[in-house]
Amino acid sequence: VSQSRYEEADIRGVKFWEEIKSECTYLIGVDPATGNGLDFSVITVFSFPQLNQIAEYRSNTTSTNELYNVLKNIMLQFERKKCSLYFSIENNGVG
């Protein structure tokens, strides 16, 4: 049986370890930081219900405005595949 292997892809700084599957469900978690180099802002994507991490964005220099744009771009990738998305943004001093 032949298995195709997905190569890691980097789309605008977001690392993908699996291809986005059409009409599936995904969970997105966002942990914003100030972007001053001390703490990392992270966006992570999991398939549901398998809970496999399929993508991640991580930066300690991205401002909250830039992070919002990264999140929008990630969500557009999934929208094109007609996926269901659920997301949570940490509500801290930045978020």
PDB file of N, CA and C in Angstrom:
ATOM      1  N   VAL A   1       0.848  -1.180   0.000  1.00  0.00           N
ATOM      2  CA  VAL A   1       0.000   0.000   0.000  1.00  0.00           C
ATOM      3  C   VAL A   1       0.885   1.232   0.000  1.00  0.00           C
ATOM      4  N   SER A   2       0.627   2.123  -0.898  1.00  0.00           N
ATOM      5  CA  SER A   2       1.419   3.342  -1.022  1.00  0.00           C
ATOM      6  C   SER A   2       0.859   4.431  -0.111  1.00  0.00           C
ATOM      7  N   GLN A   3       1.726   5.062   0.650  1.00  0.00           N
ATOM      8  CA  GLN A   3       1.325   6.167   1.513  1.00  0.00           C
ATOM      9  C   GLN A   3       2.031   7.421   1.055  1.00  0.00           C
ATOM     10  N   SER A   4       1.245   8.496   0.853  1.00  0.00           N
ATOM     11  CA  SER A   4       1.888   9.761   0.511  1.00  0.00           C
ATOM     12  C   SER A   4       2.259  10.463   1.812  1.00  0.00           C
ATOM     13  N   ARG A   5       3.436  11.046   1.815  1.00  0.00           N
ATOM     14  CA  ARG A   5       3.919  11.719   3.022  1.00  0.00           C
ATOM     15  C   ARG A   5       3.882  13.215   2.787  1.00  0.00           C
ATOM     16  N   TYR A   6       3.277  13.935   3.702  1.00  0.00           N
ATOM     17  CA  TYR A   6       3.181  15.382   3.587  1.00  0.00           C
ATOM     18  C   TYR A   6       4.473  16.008   4.071  1.00  0.00           C
ATOM     19  N   GLU A   7       5.079  16.809   3.238  1.00  0.00           N
ATOM     20  CA  GLU A   7       6.289  17.520   3.629  1.00  0.00           C
ATOM     21  C   GLU A   7       5.900  18.777   4.395  1.00  0.00           C
ATOM     22  N   GLU A   8       6.692  19.123   5.391  1.00  0.00           N
ATOM     23  CA  GLU A   8       6.425  20.327   6.167  1.00  0.00           C
ATOM     24  C   GLU A   8       6.390  21.533   5.234  1.00  0.00           C
ATOM     25  N   ALA A   9       5.363  22.362   5.403  1.00  0.00           N
ATOM     26  CA  ALA A   9       5.224  23.562   4.581  1.00  0.00           C
ATOM     27  C   ALA A   9       5.273  24.791   5.478  1.00  0.00           C
ATOM     28  N   ASP A  10       5.792  25.876   4.937  1.00  0.00           N
ATOM     29  CA  ASP A  10       5.843  27.143   5.654  1.00  0.00           C
ATOM     30  C   ASP A  10       5.085  28.162   4.816  1.00  0.00           C
ATOM     31  N   ILE A  11       3.924  28.581   5.313  1.00  0.00           N
ATOM     32  CA  ILE A  11       3.094  29.546   4.610  1.00  0.00           C
ATOM     33  C   ILE A  11       3.047  30.820   5.438  1.00  0.00           C
ATOM     34  N   ARG A  12       3.764  31.836   4.992  1.00  0.00           N
ATOM     35  CA  ARG A  12       3.827  33.133   5.682  1.00  0.00           C
ATOM     36  C   ARG A  12       4.254  32.983   7.140  1.00  0.00           C
ATOM     37  N   GLY A  13       5.226  32.137   7.373  1.00  0.00           N
ATOM     38  CA  GLY A  13       5.749  31.962   8.715  1.00  0.00           C
ATOM     39  C   GLY A  13       5.001  30.947   9.563  1.00  0.00           C
ATOM     40  N   VAL A  14       3.946  30.351   9.016  1.00  0.00           N
ATOM     41  CA  VAL A  14       3.176  29.328   9.729  1.00  0.00           C
ATOM     42  C   VAL A  14       3.647  27.970   9.233  1.00  0.00           C
ATOM     43  N   LYS A  15       4.097  27.128  10.161  1.00  0.00           N
ATOM     44  CA  LYS A  15       4.549  25.787   9.797  1.00  0.00           C
ATOM     45  C   LYS A  15       3.359  24.836   9.811  1.00  0.00           C
ATOM     46  N   PHE A  16       3.190  24.122   8.718  1.00  0.00           N
ATOM     47  CA  PHE A  16       2.141  23.104   8.603  1.00  0.00           C
ATOM     48  C   PHE A  16       2.809  21.746   8.517  1.00  0.00           C
ATOM     49  N   TRP A  17       2.339  20.798   9.338  1.00  0.00           N
ATOM     50  CA  TRP A  17       2.861  19.433   9.322  1.00  0.00           C
ATOM     51  C   TRP A  17       1.917  18.470   8.630  1.00  0.00           C
ATOM     52  N   GLU A  18       0.686  18.901   8.399  1.00  0.00           N
ATOM     53  CA  GLU A  18      -0.292  18.094   7.680  1.00  0.00           C
ATOM     54  C   GLU A  18      -1.051  18.994   6.731  1.00  0.00           C
ATOM     55  N   GLU A  19      -1.518  18.411   5.658  1.00  0.00           N
ATOM     56  CA  GLU A  19      -2.341  19.141   4.710  1.00  0.00           C
ATOM     57  C   GLU A  19      -3.726  19.380   5.314  1.00  0.00           C
ATOM     58  N   ILE A  20      -4.309  20.516   5.024  1.00  0.00           N
ATOM     59  CA  ILE A  20      -5.664  20.826   5.484  1.00  0.00           C
ATOM     60  C   ILE A  20      -6.631  19.957   4.693  1.00  0.00           C
ATOM     61  N   LYS A  21      -7.497  19.237   5.404  1.00  0.00           N
ATOM     62  CA  LYS A  21      -8.461  18.358   4.757  1.00  0.00           C
ATOM     63  C   LYS A  21      -9.797  19.082   4.614  1.00  0.00           C
ATOM     64  N   SER A  22     -10.393  18.969   3.458  1.00  0.00           N
ATOM     65  CA  SER A  22     -11.666  19.638   3.178  1.00  0.00           C
ATOM     66  C   SER A  22     -12.768  19.147   4.114  1.00  0.00           C
ATOM     67  N   GLU A  23     -13.599  20.101   4.507  1.00  0.00           N
ATOM     68  CA  GLU A  23     -14.812  19.842   5.287  1.00  0.00           C
ATOM     69  C   GLU A  23     -14.544  19.091   6.585  1.00  0.00           C
ATOM     70  N   CYS A  24     -13.401  19.351   7.199  1.00  0.00           N
ATOM     71  CA  CYS A  24     -13.081  18.771   8.507  1.00  0.00           C
ATOM     72  C   CYS A  24     -13.163  19.853   9.579  1.00  0.00           C
ATOM     73  N   THR A  25     -12.972  19.461  10.819  1.00  0.00           N
ATOM     74  CA  THR A  25     -13.046  20.389  11.938  1.00  0.00           C
ATOM     75  C   THR A  25     -11.670  20.585  12.544  1.00  0.00           C
ATOM     76  N   TYR A  26     -11.365  21.852  12.882  1.00  0.00           N
ATOM     77  CA  TYR A  26     -10.066  22.199  13.452  1.00  0.00           C
ATOM     78  C   TYR A  26     -10.255  23.152  14.629  1.00  0.00           C
ATOM     79  N   LEU A  27      -9.316  23.080  15.565  1.00  0.00           N
ATOM     80  CA  LEU A  27      -9.289  23.955  16.737  1.00  0.00           C
ATOM     81  C   LEU A  27      -8.062  24.851  16.637  1.00  0.00           C
ATOM     82  N   ILE A  28      -8.238  26.142  16.940  1.00  0.00           N
ATOM     83  CA  ILE A  28      -7.128  27.094  16.901  1.00  0.00           C
ATOM     84  C   ILE A  28      -7.004  27.751  18.262  1.00  0.00           C
ATOM     85  N   GLY A  29      -5.811  27.731  18.825  1.00  0.00           N
ATOM     86  CA  GLY A  29      -5.528  28.414  20.086  1.00  0.00           C
ATOM     87  C   GLY A  29      -4.536  29.542  19.842  1.00  0.00           C
ATOM     88  N   VAL A  30      -4.798  30.704  20.447  1.00  0.00           N
ATOM     89  CA  VAL A  30      -3.941  31.871  20.258  1.00  0.00           C
ATOM     90  C   VAL A  30      -3.477  32.378  21.620  1.00  0.00           C
ATOM     91  N   ASP A  31      -2.175  32.533  21.780  1.00  0.00           N
ATOM     92  CA  ASP A  31      -1.574  33.092  22.993  1.00  0.00           C
ATOM     93  C   ASP A  31      -0.773  34.324  22.580  1.00  0.00           C
ATOM     94  N   PRO A  32      -1.365  35.528  22.693  1.00  0.00           N
ATOM     95  CA  PRO A  32      -0.668  36.740  22.263  1.00  0.00           C
ATOM     96  C   PRO A  32       0.358  37.227  23.278  1.00  0.00           C
ATOM     97  N   ALA A  33       1.381  37.896  22.779  1.00  0.00           N
ATOM     98  CA  ALA A  33       2.384  38.549  23.613  1.00  0.00           C
ATOM     99  C   ALA A  33       2.627  39.945  23.042  1.00  0.00           C
ATOM    100  N   THR A  34       3.455  40.716  23.703  1.00  0.00           N
ATOM    101  CA  THR A  34       3.663  42.107  23.304  1.00  0.00           C
ATOM    102  C   THR A  34       4.534  42.270  22.073  1.00  0.00           C
ATOM    103  N   GLY A  35       5.368  41.293  21.748  1.00  0.00           N
ATOM    104  CA  GLY A  35       6.244  41.402  20.592  1.00  0.00           C
ATOM    105  C   GLY A  35       7.546  42.128  20.891  1.00  0.00           C
ATOM    106  N   ASN A  36       7.872  42.260  22.187  1.00  0.00           N
ATOM    107  CA  ASN A  36       9.097  42.978  22.562  1.00  0.00           C
ATOM    108  C   ASN A  36      10.307  42.054  22.714  1.00  0.00           C
ATOM    109  N   GLY A  37      10.173  40.798  22.334  1.00  0.00           N
ATOM    110  CA  GLY A  37      11.290  39.871  22.382  1.00  0.00           C
ATOM    111  C   GLY A  37      11.397  39.070  23.662  1.00  0.00           C
ATOM    112  N   LEU A  38      10.546  39.343  24.650  1.00  0.00           N
ATOM    113  CA  LEU A  38      10.637  38.639  25.928  1.00  0.00           C
ATOM    114  C   LEU A  38       9.761  37.390  25.991  1.00  0.00           C
ATOM    115  N   ASP A  39       8.625  37.402  25.314  1.00  0.00           N
ATOM    116  CA  ASP A  39       7.683  36.290  25.365  1.00  0.00           C
ATOM    117  C   ASP A  39       7.216  36.002  23.941  1.00  0.00           C
ATOM    118  N   PHE A  40       6.807  34.781  23.700  1.00  0.00           N
ATOM    119  CA  PHE A  40       6.388  34.390  22.363  1.00  0.00           C
ATOM    120  C   PHE A  40       4.881  34.484  22.193  1.00  0.00           C
ATOM    121  N   SER A  41       4.447  35.003  21.053  1.00  0.00           N
ATOM    122  CA  SER A  41       3.064  34.873  20.604  1.00  0.00           C
ATOM    123  C   SER A  41       2.990  33.557  19.849  1.00  0.00           C
ATOM    124  N   VAL A  42       1.923  32.796  20.112  1.00  0.00           N
ATOM    125  CA  VAL A  42       1.794  31.479  19.488  1.00  0.00           C
ATOM    126  C   VAL A  42       0.369  31.282  18.992  1.00  0.00           C
ATOM    127  N   ILE A  43       0.272  30.737  17.789  1.00  0.00           N
ATOM    128  CA  ILE A  43      -1.001  30.249  17.258  1.00  0.00           C
ATOM    129  C   ILE A  43      -0.773  28.786  16.941  1.00  0.00           C
ATOM    130  N   THR A  44      -1.633  27.931  17.449  1.00  0.00           N
ATOM    131  CA  THR A  44      -1.486  26.505  17.192  1.00  0.00           C
ATOM    132  C   THR A  44      -2.807  25.949  16.675  1.00  0.00           C
ATOM    133  N   VAL A  45      -2.718  24.985  15.743  1.00  0.00           N
ATOM    134  CA  VAL A  45      -3.896  24.412  15.103  1.00  0.00           C
ATOM    135  C   VAL A  45      -3.886  22.904  15.308  1.00  0.00           C
ATOM    136  N   PHE A  46      -5.040  22.379  15.744  1.00  0.00           N
ATOM    137  CA  PHE A  46      -5.212  20.946  15.963  1.00  0.00           C
ATOM    138  C   PHE A  46      -6.378  20.431  15.138  1.00  0.00           C
ATOM    139  N   SER A  47      -6.244  19.217  14.631  1.00  0.00           N
ATOM    140  CA  SER A  47      -7.378  18.552  13.987  1.00  0.00           C
ATOM    141  C   SER A  47      -8.310  18.066  15.098  1.00  0.00           C
ATOM    142  N   PHE A  48      -9.600  17.980  14.771  1.00  0.00           N
ATOM    143  CA  PHE A  48     -10.566  17.511  15.760  1.00  0.00           C
ATOM    144  C   PHE A  48     -11.431  16.443  15.120  1.00  0.00           C
ATOM    145  N   PRO A  49     -11.647  15.341  15.776  1.00  0.00           N
ATOM    146  CA  PRO A  49     -11.415  15.010  17.177  1.00  0.00           C
ATOM    147  C   PRO A  49     -10.067  14.329  17.442  1.00  0.00           C
ATOM    148  N   GLN A  50      -9.224  14.162  16.427  1.00  0.00           N
ATOM    149  CA  GLN A  50      -7.961  13.438  16.597  1.00  0.00           C
ATOM    150  C   GLN A  50      -6.981  14.159  17.527  1.00  0.00           C
ATOM    151  N   LEU A  51      -7.052  15.493  17.573  1.00  0.00           N
ATOM    152  CA  LEU A  51      -6.157  16.337  18.368  1.00  0.00           C
ATOM    153  C   LEU A  51      -4.695  16.193  17.951  1.00  0.00           C
ATOM    154  N   ASN A  52      -4.478  16.084  16.636  1.00  0.00           N
ATOM    155  CA  ASN A  52      -3.131  16.120  16.092  1.00  0.00           C
ATOM    156  C   ASN A  52      -2.787  17.570  15.795  1.00  0.00           C
ATOM    157  N   GLN A  53      -1.618  18.024  16.254  1.00  0.00           N
ATOM    158  CA  GLN A  53      -1.203  19.377  15.928  1.00  0.00           C
ATOM    159  C   GLN A  53      -0.790  19.387  14.464  1.00  0.00           C
ATOM    160  N   ILE A  54      -1.427  20.255  13.675  1.00  0.00           N
ATOM    161  CA  ILE A  54      -1.114  20.285  12.248  1.00  0.00           C
ATOM    162  C   ILE A  54      -0.387  21.557  11.826  1.00  0.00           C
ATOM    163  N   ALA A  55      -0.435  22.610  12.664  1.00  0.00           N
ATOM    164  CA  ALA A  55       0.218  23.862  12.286  1.00  0.00           C
ATOM    165  C   ALA A  55       0.571  24.677  13.517  1.00  0.00           C
ATOM    166  N   GLU A  56       1.568  25.581  13.336  1.00  0.00           N
ATOM    167  CA  GLU A  56       1.974  26.456  14.440  1.00  0.00           C
ATOM    168  C   GLU A  56       2.640  27.715  13.896  1.00  0.00           C
ATOM    169  N   TYR A  57       2.335  28.821  14.542  1.00  0.00           N
ATOM    170  CA  TYR A  57       3.044  30.082  14.317  1.00  0.00           C
ATOM    171  C   TYR A  57       3.623  30.484  15.665  1.00  0.00           C
ATOM    172  N   ARG A  58       4.885  30.908  15.668  1.00  0.00           N
ATOM    173  CA  ARG A  58       5.552  31.265  16.921  1.00  0.00           C
ATOM    174  C   ARG A  58       6.539  32.385  16.649  1.00  0.00           C
ATOM    175  N   SER A  59       6.402  33.506  17.378  1.00  0.00           N
ATOM    176  CA  SER A  59       7.301  34.633  17.195  1.00  0.00           C
ATOM    177  C   SER A  59       7.359  35.467  18.463  1.00  0.00           C
ATOM    178  N   ASN A  60       8.538  35.998  18.782  1.00  0.00           N
ATOM    179  CA  ASN A  60       8.653  36.890  19.938  1.00  0.00           C
ATOM    180  C   ASN A  60       8.837  38.347  19.504  1.00  0.00           C
ATOM    181  N   THR A  61       8.653  38.613  18.211  1.00  0.00           N
ATOM    182  CA  THR A  61       8.772  39.986  17.718  1.00  0.00           C
ATOM    183  C   THR A  61       7.516  40.470  16.995  1.00  0.00           C
ATOM    184  N   THR A  62       6.481  39.666  16.967  1.00  0.00           N
ATOM    185  CA  THR A  62       5.244  40.018  16.279  1.00  0.00           C
ATOM    186  C   THR A  62       4.341  40.823  17.202  1.00  0.00           C
ATOM    187  N   SER A  63       3.885  41.982  16.728  1.00  0.00           N
ATOM    188  CA  SER A  63       2.950  42.790  17.511  1.00  0.00           C
ATOM    189  C   SER A  63       1.570  42.130  17.504  1.00  0.00           C
ATOM    190  N   THR A  64       0.699  42.575  18.383  1.00  0.00           N
ATOM    191  CA  THR A  64      -0.655  42.007  18.431  1.00  0.00           C
ATOM    192  C   THR A  64      -1.401  42.263  17.133  1.00  0.00           C
ATOM    193  N   ASN A  65      -1.200  43.431  16.502  1.00  0.00           N
ATOM    194  CA  ASN A  65      -1.848  43.711  15.215  1.00  0.00           C
ATOM    195  C   ASN A  65      -1.362  42.749  14.141  1.00  0.00           C
ATOM    196  N   GLU A  66      -0.059  42.495  14.106  1.00  0.00           N
ATOM    197  CA  GLU A  66       0.493  41.547  13.137  1.00  0.00           C
ATOM    198  C   GLU A  66      -0.012  40.132  13.414  1.00  0.00           C
ATOM    199  N   LEU A  67      -0.112  39.774  14.702  1.00  0.00           N
ATOM    200  CA  LEU A  67      -0.596  38.446  15.068  1.00  0.00           C
ATOM    201  C   LEU A  67      -2.035  38.249  14.602  1.00  0.00           C
ATOM    202  N   TYR A  68      -2.846  39.284  14.712  1.00  0.00           N
ATOM    203  CA  TYR A  68      -4.223  39.227  14.239  1.00  0.00           C
ATOM    204  C   TYR A  68      -4.246  38.952  12.730  1.00  0.00           C
ATOM    205  N   ASN A  69      -3.350  39.597  11.978  1.00  0.00           N
ATOM    206  CA  ASN A  69      -3.280  39.359  10.537  1.00  0.00           C
ATOM    207  C   ASN A  69      -2.848  37.932  10.226  1.00  0.00           C
ATOM    208  N   VAL A  70      -1.920  37.395  10.993  1.00  0.00           N
ATOM    209  CA  VAL A  70      -1.502  35.998  10.815  1.00  0.00           C
ATOM    210  C   VAL A  70      -2.691  35.077  11.069  1.00  0.00           C
ATOM    211  N   LEU A  71      -3.445  35.340  12.145  1.00  0.00           N
ATOM    212  CA  LEU A  71      -4.621  34.526  12.463  1.00  0.00           C
ATOM    213  C   LEU A  71      -5.639  34.580  11.326  1.00  0.00           C
ATOM    214  N   LYS A  72      -5.898  35.772  10.798  1.00  0.00           N
ATOM    215  CA  LYS A  72      -6.846  35.896   9.679  1.00  0.00           C
ATOM    216  C   LYS A  72      -6.377  35.085   8.480  1.00  0.00           C
ATOM    217  N   ASN A  73      -5.084  35.138   8.179  1.00  0.00           N
ATOM    218  CA  ASN A  73      -4.566  34.379   7.037  1.00  0.00           C
ATOM    219  C   ASN A  73      -4.686  32.877   7.249  1.00  0.00           C
ATOM    220  N   ILE A  74      -4.432  32.427   8.470  1.00  0.00           N
ATOM    221  CA  ILE A  74      -4.596  30.999   8.779  1.00  0.00           C
ATOM    222  C   ILE A  74      -6.049  30.593   8.579  1.00  0.00           C
ATOM    223  N   MET A  75      -6.949  31.401   9.116  1.00  0.00           N
ATOM    224  CA  MET A  75      -8.378  31.069   9.017  1.00  0.00           C
ATOM    225  C   MET A  75      -8.850  31.056   7.562  1.00  0.00           C
ATOM    226  N   LEU A  76      -8.303  31.926   6.732  1.00  0.00           N
ATOM    227  CA  LEU A  76      -8.668  31.936   5.311  1.00  0.00           C
ATOM    228  C   LEU A  76      -8.246  30.647   4.620  1.00  0.00           C
ATOM    229  N   GLN A  77      -7.090  30.093   5.013  1.00  0.00           N
ATOM    230  CA  GLN A  77      -6.641  28.817   4.444  1.00  0.00           C
ATOM    231  C   GLN A  77      -7.669  27.720   4.698  1.00  0.00           C
ATOM    232  N   PHE A  78      -8.236  27.704   5.906  1.00  0.00           N
ATOM    233  CA  PHE A  78      -9.219  26.685   6.271  1.00  0.00           C
ATOM    234  C   PHE A  78     -10.575  26.971   5.649  1.00  0.00           C
ATOM    235  N   GLU A  79     -10.922  28.253   5.515  1.00  0.00           N
ATOM    236  CA  GLU A  79     -12.194  28.626   4.898  1.00  0.00           C
ATOM    237  C   GLU A  79     -12.238  28.154   3.446  1.00  0.00           C
ATOM    238  N   ARG A  80     -11.120  28.251   2.755  1.00  0.00           N
ATOM    239  CA  ARG A  80     -11.058  27.815   1.354  1.00  0.00           C
ATOM    240  C   ARG A  80     -11.356  26.328   1.199  1.00  0.00           C
ATOM    241  N   LYS A  81     -11.080  25.564   2.250  1.00  0.00           N
ATOM    242  CA  LYS A  81     -11.336  24.117   2.229  1.00  0.00           C
ATOM    243  C   LYS A  81     -12.680  23.765   2.868  1.00  0.00           C
ATOM    244  N   LYS A  82     -13.481  24.802   3.189  1.00  0.00           N
ATOM    245  CA  LYS A  82     -14.814  24.618   3.777  1.00  0.00           C
ATOM    246  C   LYS A  82     -14.770  23.854   5.104  1.00  0.00           C
ATOM    247  N   CYS A  83     -13.792  24.185   5.930  1.00  0.00           N
ATOM    248  CA  CYS A  83     -13.612  23.537   7.224  1.00  0.00           C
ATOM    249  C   CYS A  83     -14.414  24.250   8.302  1.00  0.00           C
ATOM    250  N   SER A  84     -14.738  23.525   9.350  1.00  0.00           N
ATOM    251  CA  SER A  84     -15.310  24.119  10.552  1.00  0.00           C
ATOM    252  C   SER A  84     -14.164  24.490  11.479  1.00  0.00           C
ATOM    253  N   LEU A  85     -14.214  25.704  12.024  1.00  0.00           N
ATOM    254  CA  LEU A  85     -13.161  26.184  12.913  1.00  0.00           C
ATOM    255  C   LEU A  85     -13.730  26.625  14.239  1.00  0.00           C
ATOM    256  N   TYR A  86     -13.019  26.286  15.297  1.00  0.00           N
ATOM    257  CA  TYR A  86     -13.307  26.798  16.634  1.00  0.00           C
ATOM    258  C   TYR A  86     -12.003  27.394  17.136  1.00  0.00           C
ATOM    259  N   PHE A  87     -12.066  28.590  17.714  1.00  0.00           N
ATOM    260  CA  PHE A  87     -10.824  29.199  18.160  1.00  0.00           C
ATOM    261  C   PHE A  87     -11.003  29.858  19.515  1.00  0.00           C
ATOM    262  N   SER A  88      -9.878  29.989  20.203  1.00  0.00           N
ATOM    263  CA  SER A  88      -9.837  30.628  21.517  1.00  0.00           C
ATOM    264  C   SER A  88      -8.616  31.513  21.572  1.00  0.00           C
ATOM    265  N   ILE A  89      -8.812  32.751  22.052  1.00  0.00           N
ATOM    266  CA  ILE A  89      -7.711  33.684  22.213  1.00  0.00           C
ATOM    267  C   ILE A  89      -7.545  33.949  23.702  1.00  0.00           C
ATOM    268  N   GLU A  90      -6.355  33.726  24.210  1.00  0.00           N
ATOM    269  CA  GLU A  90      -6.098  33.933  25.636  1.00  0.00           C
ATOM    270  C   GLU A  90      -6.383  35.390  25.998  1.00  0.00           C
ATOM    271  N   ASN A  91      -7.108  35.586  27.058  1.00  0.00           N
ATOM    272  CA  ASN A  91      -7.454  36.920  27.535  1.00  0.00           C
ATOM    273  C   ASN A  91      -6.519  37.283  28.686  1.00  0.00           C
ATOM    274  N   ASN A  92      -5.362  37.838  28.303  1.00  0.00           N
ATOM    275  CA  ASN A  92      -4.408  38.285  29.307  1.00  0.00           C
ATOM    276  C   ASN A  92      -4.229  39.783  29.135  1.00  0.00           C
ATOM    277  N   GLY A  93      -3.150  40.351  29.625  1.00  0.00           N
ATOM    278  CA  GLY A  93      -2.922  41.785  29.495  1.00  0.00           C
ATOM    279  C   GLY A  93      -2.816  42.254  28.066  1.00  0.00           C
ATOM    280  N   VAL A  94      -2.490  41.330  27.144  1.00  0.00           N
ATOM    281  CA  VAL A  94      -2.339  41.669  25.739  1.00  0.00           C
ATOM    282  C   VAL A  94      -3.576  41.290  24.939  1.00  0.00           C
ATOM    283  N   GLY A  95      -4.099  40.073  25.166  1.00  0.00           N
ATOM    284  CA  GLY A  95      -5.212  39.548  24.361  1.00  0.00           C
ATOM    285  C   GLY A  95      -6.499  40.173  24.729  1.00  0.00           C
TER     286      GLY A  95
END
